[in-house]
Amino acid sequence: MDQPARDVLITGVGLVSSLGEGVETHLARLAPHGNIQPAIESVEPTGHFVHPLPPIDWSLQIPKKSDQRQMETWQKLGVYAAGLALTDADVAADEATRAKVDMIVAAGGGERDPDVDALVMARARGQDDPLPMMNELLSSELRPTLFLAQLSNLMAGNISIVHKVTGSSRTFMGEESAGISAVQVAAARILAGQSRICLVGGAFSAARKDLLVNYELGGYLLGGDWRPVPARTSADAGFVPGSVGAFLVLEEAEHARARGATAYGRLSFVAGDRGPRSDGRLAERLGRLFDESGVSDEELLVLSGASGQDEATSEELTLLNRRFPQAAVRTFGSAVGHAMEAHFPTGVALAAIHLSAGRLPAPAAGGEERPADFAPSCALVTSVGHVRGEGVALVEAIEPR
């Protein structure tokens, strides 16, 4: 028996980035006249650039101070953005309604305690056998809840506690691929009739010293002066981490109509892949995903999630400009930074709000992205991980919200 066709609608967007919070703020900061003006700052210990968090009154979405205190920044950011998405979708706050909302989260691991790390390293200097001292310090100095708070599924747990979202819950780990898989699985469950409404997204805190050191040791961070993503073609090319919380409410069309919800757009395709990137295989995989999406070049906005890693970014942007010469190609990482697990949901969120507003985002400064002036009818979103993993989504415009 054939299954009924279902549309996956985006009915809620919760977005926090260095540009600010909320749909209207992002539309205003990315307005098509002029160039994007990103918020960036240099942070220690590496001295590299990040796109920092804006000022946030956490109590607007996390009312209890006790809840705020037991969350690290990345968790608060995710819980806050999830609350924005639920409010934006007008999902009633009563427990009976939110018990029917499923949830899929893309999350990394928790933060370390840098003060304790520094204390251990300072006292270990010059000692022939530092292990007894380390064991003593770790048992006395680390707060008891540290390791519990490091669990990746604590973000989903805190969303359930604060926002009463108690349907099924899944958490994906794995940097950019986690965000791709979260959106893909949420859409697939709705298409299969396994879910009718789903909260999906992730969050990333850019100023974490432990992660910045890891990225620097791997040679992944942008060196020298800040440049937009398409201009990162030199030996010191790399990504600039961005603090972002991005959540979407995805909903089956009939369910949305039944509760009178309006939609930003239709998520008509989402898929991911991974594999070697040498010898043109990255472009081959991306080309296949473009073909599978059925996207055309007409009135097309392309939101590229290129990281700024030189070879992969150059290969992706070359392919996009060749395949879609009439499209408006925009690298959203130039505006908000590279948000790892939250990066792909961020691209889908930006696609949805610009389609609904009938406008293009501004090009990045530097002249690599050509100006354009048309109301997009669909948006192609890409994510190419800084090391591995690729994803593509197609969002189509529907009636104005």
Protein backbone atom coordinates (compact mmCIF):
# COMPACT_ATOMS: atom_id res chain seq x y z
CA MET A 1 0.00 0.00 0.00
CA ASP A 2 1.47 3.36 -1.00
CA GLN A 3 2.23 5.77 1.81
CA PRO A 4 0.59 9.21 1.57
CA ALA A 5 2.86 12.03 0.43
CA ARG A 6 3.84 14.36 3.25
CA ASP A 7 5.41 17.79 3.22
CA VAL A 8 7.97 18.78 5.86
CA LEU A 9 7.40 22.42 6.84
CA ILE A 10 9.66 24.70 8.86
CA THR A 11 7.25 26.39 11.26
CA GLY A 12 9.65 27.73 13.88
CA VAL A 13 13.16 29.21 13.92
CA GLY A 14 15.25 29.88 17.02
CA LEU A 15 18.54 31.55 16.16
CA VAL A 16 21.23 33.15 18.30
CA SER A 17 24.60 34.19 16.87
CA SER A 18 27.18 36.93 17.14
CA LEU A 19 24.77 39.07 15.08
CA GLY A 20 22.14 38.93 17.83
CA GLU A 21 19.07 36.82 18.52
CA GLY A 22 15.83 36.17 16.71
CA VAL A 23 14.57 36.17 13.14
CA GLU A 24 14.11 39.91 12.66
CA THR A 25 17.56 40.73 14.03
CA HIS A 26 19.25 38.35 11.61
CA LEU A 27 17.23 39.62 8.66
CA ALA A 28 18.19 43.18 9.55
CA ARG A 29 21.90 42.43 10.07
CA LEU A 30 22.04 40.49 6.79
CA ALA A 31 20.01 43.02 4.81
CA PRO A 32 20.82 42.88 1.07
CA HIS A 33 22.04 46.48 0.75
CA GLY A 34 25.75 46.76 1.44
CA ASN A 35 28.05 44.06 2.81
CA ILE A 36 27.84 41.83 5.86
CA GLN A 37 29.37 43.40 8.97
CA PRO A 38 30.38 40.45 11.15
CA ALA A 39 31.10 40.64 14.87
CA ILE A 40 34.57 39.24 15.58
CA GLU A 41 37.09 39.37 18.38
CA SER A 42 40.47 37.87 19.21
CA VAL A 43 40.56 35.47 22.18
CA GLU A 44 43.20 33.78 24.25
CA PRO A 45 44.97 31.43 24.59
CA THR A 46 45.60 31.16 20.85
CA GLY A 47 44.95 34.78 19.84
CA HIS A 48 42.73 33.66 16.97
CA PHE A 49 39.42 35.20 15.93
CA VAL A 50 36.00 34.00 17.01
CA HIS A 51 32.48 35.26 16.43
CA PRO A 52 31.43 35.84 20.07
CA LEU A 53 28.08 35.55 21.79
CA PRO A 54 25.96 38.70 21.92
CA PRO A 55 24.65 39.92 25.29
CA ILE A 56 21.92 37.49 26.36
CA ASP A 57 19.42 37.63 29.19
CA TRP A 58 19.24 33.89 29.79
CA SER A 59 16.22 34.26 32.07
CA LEU A 60 14.00 35.10 29.09
CA GLN A 61 14.05 31.43 28.06
CA ILE A 62 15.55 29.77 31.17
CA PRO A 63 13.63 31.37 34.05
CA LYS A 64 15.11 29.41 36.97
CA LYS A 65 18.55 30.48 38.16
CA SER A 66 19.13 26.95 39.42
CA ASP A 67 18.70 25.61 35.88
CA GLN A 68 21.09 28.23 34.52
CA ARG A 69 23.77 27.48 37.12
CA GLN A 70 24.01 23.79 36.32
CA MET A 71 24.43 24.39 32.55
CA GLU A 72 27.60 25.27 30.74
CA THR A 73 27.46 27.98 28.06
CA TRP A 74 26.94 25.60 25.14
CA GLN A 75 23.96 24.03 26.93
CA LYS A 76 22.39 27.36 27.88
CA LEU A 77 22.80 28.53 24.30
CA GLY A 78 21.02 25.45 22.96
CA VAL A 79 18.21 25.58 25.52
CA TYR A 80 17.72 29.29 24.81
CA ALA A 81 17.57 28.82 21.02
CA ALA A 82 15.20 25.86 21.43
CA GLY A 83 12.88 28.06 23.47
CA LEU A 84 12.98 30.73 20.77
CA ALA A 85 12.03 28.14 18.13
CA LEU A 86 9.10 26.78 20.13
CA THR A 87 7.82 30.29 20.80
CA ASP A 88 8.27 31.27 17.16
CA ALA A 89 6.28 28.21 16.06
CA ASP A 90 3.56 29.09 18.59
CA VAL A 91 3.74 25.63 20.18
CA ALA A 92 1.58 25.88 23.29
CA ALA A 93 3.61 25.67 26.50
CA ASP A 94 1.33 23.19 28.29
CA GLU A 95 2.84 19.81 29.06
CA ALA A 96 0.18 17.87 27.13
CA THR A 97 1.07 19.66 23.88
CA ARG A 98 4.82 19.54 24.29
CA ALA A 99 4.77 15.88 25.28
CA LYS A 100 3.93 15.22 21.62
CA VAL A 101 6.97 17.13 20.32
CA ASP A 102 9.91 14.92 19.36
CA MET A 103 13.46 16.21 19.65
CA ILE A 104 16.74 15.59 17.83
CA VAL A 105 19.84 17.43 19.01
CA ALA A 106 23.35 17.74 17.56
CA ALA A 107 25.82 18.25 20.40
CA GLY A 108 29.49 17.99 21.26
CA GLY A 109 31.06 17.12 24.58
CA GLY A 110 31.00 19.35 27.63
CA GLU A 111 33.53 21.93 28.70
CA ARG A 112 36.60 21.26 30.81
CA ASP A 113 37.47 23.21 33.95
CA PRO A 114 40.38 25.35 32.68
CA ASP A 115 41.30 26.64 36.15
CA VAL A 116 41.82 23.12 37.45
CA ASP A 117 43.72 22.16 34.28
CA ALA A 118 46.07 25.13 34.79
CA LEU A 119 46.55 24.28 38.48
CA VAL A 120 47.45 20.67 37.67
CA MET A 121 49.97 21.70 35.02
CA ALA A 122 51.54 24.35 37.27
CA ARG A 123 52.06 21.93 40.18
CA ALA A 124 53.26 19.13 37.94
CA ARG A 125 56.24 21.12 36.70
CA GLY A 126 59.52 19.66 37.96
CA GLN A 127 57.96 16.66 39.69
CA ASP A 128 59.39 13.23 38.89
CA ASP A 129 56.09 11.51 39.72
CA PRO A 130 53.15 13.93 39.40
CA LEU A 131 50.44 11.25 39.42
CA PRO A 132 49.68 11.29 43.19
CA MET A 133 49.40 15.07 43.14
CA MET A 134 47.16 14.94 40.07
CA ASN A 135 44.84 12.39 41.63
CA GLU A 136 44.57 14.46 44.80
CA LEU A 137 43.81 17.69 42.93
CA LEU A 138 41.30 16.11 40.59
CA SER A 139 39.42 14.53 43.48
CA SER A 140 39.34 17.74 45.54
CA GLU A 141 39.14 20.56 43.01
CA LEU A 142 36.73 19.36 40.31
CA ARG A 143 33.07 20.07 41.03
CA PRO A 144 31.08 16.86 41.48
CA THR A 145 28.76 17.54 38.54
CA LEU A 146 31.52 18.28 36.00
CA PHE A 147 31.55 14.90 34.32
CA LEU A 148 27.78 14.62 34.33
CA ALA A 149 27.57 18.02 32.62
CA GLN A 150 29.96 16.84 29.93
CA LEU A 151 27.46 14.31 28.58
CA SER A 152 26.33 15.30 25.11
CA ASN A 153 22.71 14.40 25.78
CA LEU A 154 22.49 16.87 28.66
CA MET A 155 21.39 19.56 26.21
CA ALA A 156 18.37 17.50 25.22
CA GLY A 157 17.74 16.73 28.89
CA ASN A 158 17.79 20.39 29.84
CA ILE A 159 15.47 21.28 26.95
CA SER A 160 13.05 18.67 28.28
CA ILE A 161 13.28 20.07 31.81
CA VAL A 162 13.00 23.75 30.91
CA HIS A 163 10.63 23.63 27.94
CA LYS A 164 8.68 20.43 28.76
CA VAL A 165 9.52 18.79 25.42
CA THR A 166 9.09 15.16 26.41
CA GLY A 167 8.42 13.25 23.20
CA SER A 168 11.09 10.95 21.79
CA SER A 169 14.64 12.25 22.09
CA ARG A 170 17.84 11.56 20.14
CA THR A 171 21.29 13.13 20.31
CA PHE A 172 23.91 12.96 17.56
CA MET A 173 27.62 13.59 18.05
CA GLY A 174 30.23 14.11 15.36
CA GLU A 175 30.90 17.79 14.62
CA GLU A 176 29.33 19.06 11.37
CA SER A 177 28.01 15.62 10.43
CA ALA A 178 25.96 15.53 13.62
CA GLY A 179 23.98 18.58 12.53
CA ILE A 180 23.44 17.12 9.07
CA SER A 181 22.22 13.81 10.49
CA ALA A 182 19.93 15.50 13.00
CA VAL A 183 18.06 17.46 10.33
CA GLN A 184 18.04 14.50 7.92
CA VAL A 185 16.62 12.06 10.49
CA ALA A 186 14.01 14.56 11.71
CA ALA A 187 12.77 15.12 8.16
CA ALA A 188 12.82 11.39 7.38
CA ARG A 189 10.74 10.57 10.46
CA ILE A 190 8.11 13.12 9.46
CA LEU A 191 8.03 11.83 5.88
CA ALA A 192 7.62 8.27 7.19
CA GLY A 193 4.77 9.23 9.52
CA GLN A 194 6.84 8.40 12.63
CA SER A 195 6.77 11.99 13.86
CA ARG A 196 4.37 14.87 13.28
CA ILE A 197 6.31 17.71 14.89
CA CYS A 198 9.99 17.76 15.82
CA LEU A 199 12.39 20.21 17.47
CA VAL A 200 15.84 19.84 15.88
CA GLY A 201 19.09 21.77 16.13
CA GLY A 202 22.28 22.32 18.06
CA ALA A 203 24.58 24.83 19.69
CA PHE A 204 28.27 25.65 19.77
CA SER A 205 30.25 27.93 22.08
CA ALA A 206 33.20 29.39 20.17
CA ALA A 207 35.27 30.76 23.06
CA ARG A 208 36.01 27.42 24.72
CA LYS A 209 39.74 27.44 25.39
CA ASP A 210 40.08 23.66 25.27
CA LEU A 211 38.55 23.47 21.79
CA LEU A 212 40.52 26.45 20.49
CA VAL A 213 43.77 24.78 21.55
CA ASN A 214 42.71 21.54 19.84
CA TYR A 215 41.82 23.35 16.62
CA GLU A 216 45.07 25.33 16.69
CA LEU A 217 47.13 22.17 17.21
CA GLY A 218 45.37 20.66 14.20
CA GLY A 219 46.13 23.71 12.06
CA TYR A 220 42.43 24.40 11.39
CA LEU A 221 42.05 28.03 12.51
CA LEU A 222 42.33 31.07 10.26
CA GLY A 223 45.67 32.85 10.63
CA GLY A 224 46.61 36.45 9.93
CA ASP A 225 43.92 39.04 9.36
CA TRP A 226 40.23 38.17 9.32
CA ARG A 227 38.89 37.51 5.82
CA PRO A 228 35.50 36.28 4.54
CA VAL A 229 35.33 32.59 3.73
CA PRO A 230 35.78 32.87 -0.08
CA ALA A 231 38.99 34.88 0.41
CA ARG A 232 40.70 32.27 2.59
CA THR A 233 43.00 30.84 -0.04
CA SER A 234 46.47 31.28 1.43
CA ALA A 235 48.66 29.00 3.51
CA ASP A 236 47.07 30.29 6.74
CA ALA A 237 43.50 29.56 5.59
CA GLY A 238 41.13 28.08 8.11
CA PHE A 239 37.85 28.55 9.92
CA VAL A 240 36.73 31.09 12.50
CA PRO A 241 34.61 29.47 15.25
CA GLY A 242 31.19 31.02 15.76
CA SER A 243 29.01 30.95 18.87
CA VAL A 244 25.62 29.85 17.56
CA GLY A 245 22.44 28.27 18.83
CA ALA A 246 20.14 27.16 16.01
CA PHE A 247 16.91 25.20 16.38
CA LEU A 248 14.08 24.49 13.95
CA VAL A 249 10.54 23.26 14.44
CA LEU A 250 9.87 20.82 11.59
CA GLU A 251 6.27 19.82 11.13
CA GLU A 252 4.12 17.64 8.93
CA ALA A 253 1.98 19.94 6.77
CA GLU A 254 -1.38 18.51 7.86
CA HIS A 255 -0.40 18.81 11.53
CA ALA A 256 0.63 22.44 10.98
CA ARG A 257 -2.68 23.25 9.26
CA ALA A 258 -4.66 21.59 12.03
CA ARG A 259 -3.19 23.90 14.66
CA GLY A 260 -3.20 27.00 12.42
CA ALA A 261 0.57 27.30 12.15
CA THR A 262 2.23 29.21 9.34
CA ALA A 263 5.51 28.13 7.78
CA TYR A 264 8.72 29.76 6.63
CA GLY A 265 9.32 27.20 3.91
CA ARG A 266 9.19 23.57 2.82
CA LEU A 267 12.17 21.30 3.50
CA SER A 268 11.96 19.25 0.33
CA PHE A 269 15.35 17.49 0.41
CA VAL A 270 18.10 16.76 2.91
CA ALA A 271 20.92 14.25 2.63
CA GLY A 272 24.46 13.72 3.86
CA ASP A 273 27.54 11.76 2.85
CA ARG A 274 31.20 11.36 3.68
CA GLY A 275 34.32 9.94 2.13
CA PRO A 276 37.78 10.79 0.77
CA ARG A 277 38.24 14.27 -0.66
CA SER A 278 41.23 13.73 -2.90
CA ASP A 279 41.19 13.45 -6.70
CA GLY A 280 37.93 15.36 -7.12
CA ARG A 281 35.84 12.96 -5.04
CA LEU A 282 34.45 15.75 -2.86
CA ALA A 283 33.09 17.58 -5.90
CA GLU A 284 31.74 14.29 -7.25
CA ARG A 285 29.78 13.58 -4.05
CA LEU A 286 28.45 17.13 -3.83
CA GLY A 287 27.42 17.03 -7.49
CA ARG A 288 25.50 13.82 -6.90
CA LEU A 289 23.69 15.37 -3.91
CA PHE A 290 22.79 18.41 -6.04
CA ASP A 291 21.38 16.10 -8.71
CA GLU A 292 19.35 14.15 -6.15
CA SER A 293 17.88 17.36 -4.74
CA GLY A 294 16.43 18.30 -8.14
CA VAL A 295 17.47 21.93 -7.65
CA SER A 296 17.45 24.31 -10.62
CA ASP A 297 19.35 27.56 -11.14
CA GLU A 298 16.23 29.72 -11.38
CA GLU A 299 15.70 32.24 -8.54
CA LEU A 300 18.12 30.22 -6.43
CA LEU A 301 19.82 31.29 -3.23
CA VAL A 302 22.80 29.13 -2.28
CA LEU A 303 23.86 29.25 1.36
CA SER A 304 27.24 27.57 1.49
CA GLY A 305 28.46 26.22 4.80
CA ALA A 306 32.07 26.16 3.58
CA SER A 307 34.42 26.33 6.56
CA GLY A 308 37.34 28.23 5.04
CA GLN A 309 39.70 25.24 4.90
CA ASP A 310 41.44 26.14 1.66
CA GLU A 311 41.20 23.10 -0.61
CA ALA A 312 37.70 21.91 0.35
CA THR A 313 36.30 25.45 0.32
CA SER A 314 37.83 26.29 -3.04
CA GLU A 315 36.56 23.04 -4.56
CA GLU A 316 33.03 23.55 -3.25
CA LEU A 317 32.71 27.19 -4.31
CA THR A 318 34.15 26.45 -7.75
CA LEU A 319 31.56 23.71 -8.21
CA LEU A 320 28.70 25.91 -6.98
CA ASN A 321 29.58 28.79 -9.29
CA ARG A 322 29.92 26.43 -12.25
CA ARG A 323 26.70 24.50 -11.58
CA PHE A 324 24.58 27.53 -10.66
CA PRO A 325 25.91 30.57 -12.56
CA GLN A 326 22.69 32.58 -12.06
CA ALA A 327 22.35 31.84 -8.34
CA ALA A 328 23.24 34.14 -5.46
CA VAL A 329 25.99 32.23 -3.64
CA ARG A 330 26.53 33.29 -0.02
CA THR A 331 28.90 31.78 2.57
CA PHE A 332 26.98 32.16 5.82
CA GLY A 333 30.10 31.34 7.84
CA SER A 334 31.43 34.75 6.81
CA ALA A 335 28.62 36.29 8.86
CA VAL A 336 28.25 34.02 11.90
CA GLY A 337 31.40 31.88 11.90
CA HIS A 338 31.75 28.12 11.75
CA ALA A 339 29.43 26.51 14.28
CA MET A 340 30.35 22.80 14.07
CA GLU A 341 27.32 20.76 15.22
CA ALA A 342 25.01 23.77 14.82
CA HIS A 343 26.35 24.80 11.41
CA PHE A 344 23.94 22.92 9.14
CA PRO A 345 20.82 23.82 11.18
CA THR A 346 22.01 27.44 11.02
CA GLY A 347 22.14 27.33 7.23
CA VAL A 348 18.66 25.81 7.02
CA ALA A 349 17.33 28.44 9.44
CA LEU A 350 18.85 31.30 7.43
CA ALA A 351 17.46 29.81 4.21
CA ALA A 352 13.96 29.57 5.67
CA ILE A 353 13.78 33.12 7.01
CA HIS A 354 15.16 34.69 3.81
CA LEU A 355 12.76 32.74 1.60
CA SER A 356 9.86 33.82 3.78
CA ALA A 357 11.00 37.43 3.65
CA GLY A 358 11.51 37.22 -0.13
CA ARG A 359 15.01 38.61 0.00
CA LEU A 360 18.67 37.67 -0.39
CA PRO A 361 21.28 38.11 2.31
CA ALA A 362 24.06 40.58 1.64
CA PRO A 363 27.26 39.34 0.01
CA ALA A 364 30.39 38.99 2.10
CA ALA A 365 32.80 41.91 2.01
CA GLY A 366 35.70 41.56 -0.40
CA GLY A 367 33.96 41.22 -3.75
CA GLU A 368 34.16 37.43 -4.06
CA GLU A 369 30.36 37.09 -3.85
CA ARG A 370 28.50 38.86 -6.63
CA PRO A 371 25.55 41.15 -5.82
CA ALA A 372 22.11 39.99 -6.93
CA ASP A 373 18.60 41.37 -6.74
CA PHE A 374 15.73 38.89 -6.92
CA ALA A 375 13.27 37.22 -4.58
CA PRO A 376 14.49 33.64 -4.18
CA SER A 377 12.02 30.82 -4.72
CA CYS A 378 14.27 28.15 -3.22
CA ALA A 379 17.50 27.87 -1.27
CA LEU A 380 20.21 25.24 -1.47
CA VAL A 381 22.10 24.80 1.80
CA THR A 382 25.45 23.04 1.96
CA SER A 383 27.73 21.99 4.77
CA VAL A 384 31.26 20.72 4.12
CA GLY A 385 32.94 19.73 7.36
CA HIS A 386 36.36 21.10 8.22
CA VAL A 387 37.71 17.52 8.08
CA ARG A 388 34.92 15.22 6.89
CA GLY A 389 31.22 15.01 6.17
CA GLU A 390 29.05 16.80 3.63
CA GLY A 391 25.38 17.67 3.60
CA VAL A 392 22.85 19.33 1.30
CA ALA A 393 19.34 20.62 1.95
CA LEU A 394 16.79 22.22 -0.35
CA VAL A 395 14.26 24.64 1.14
CA GLU A 396 11.40 25.89 -1.03
CA ALA A 397 9.36 29.05 -0.57
CA ILE A 398 5.66 28.83 0.18
CA GLU A 399 3.10 31.51 0.99
CA PRO A 400 4.48 34.53 2.86
CA ARG A 401 4.51 34.08 6.64
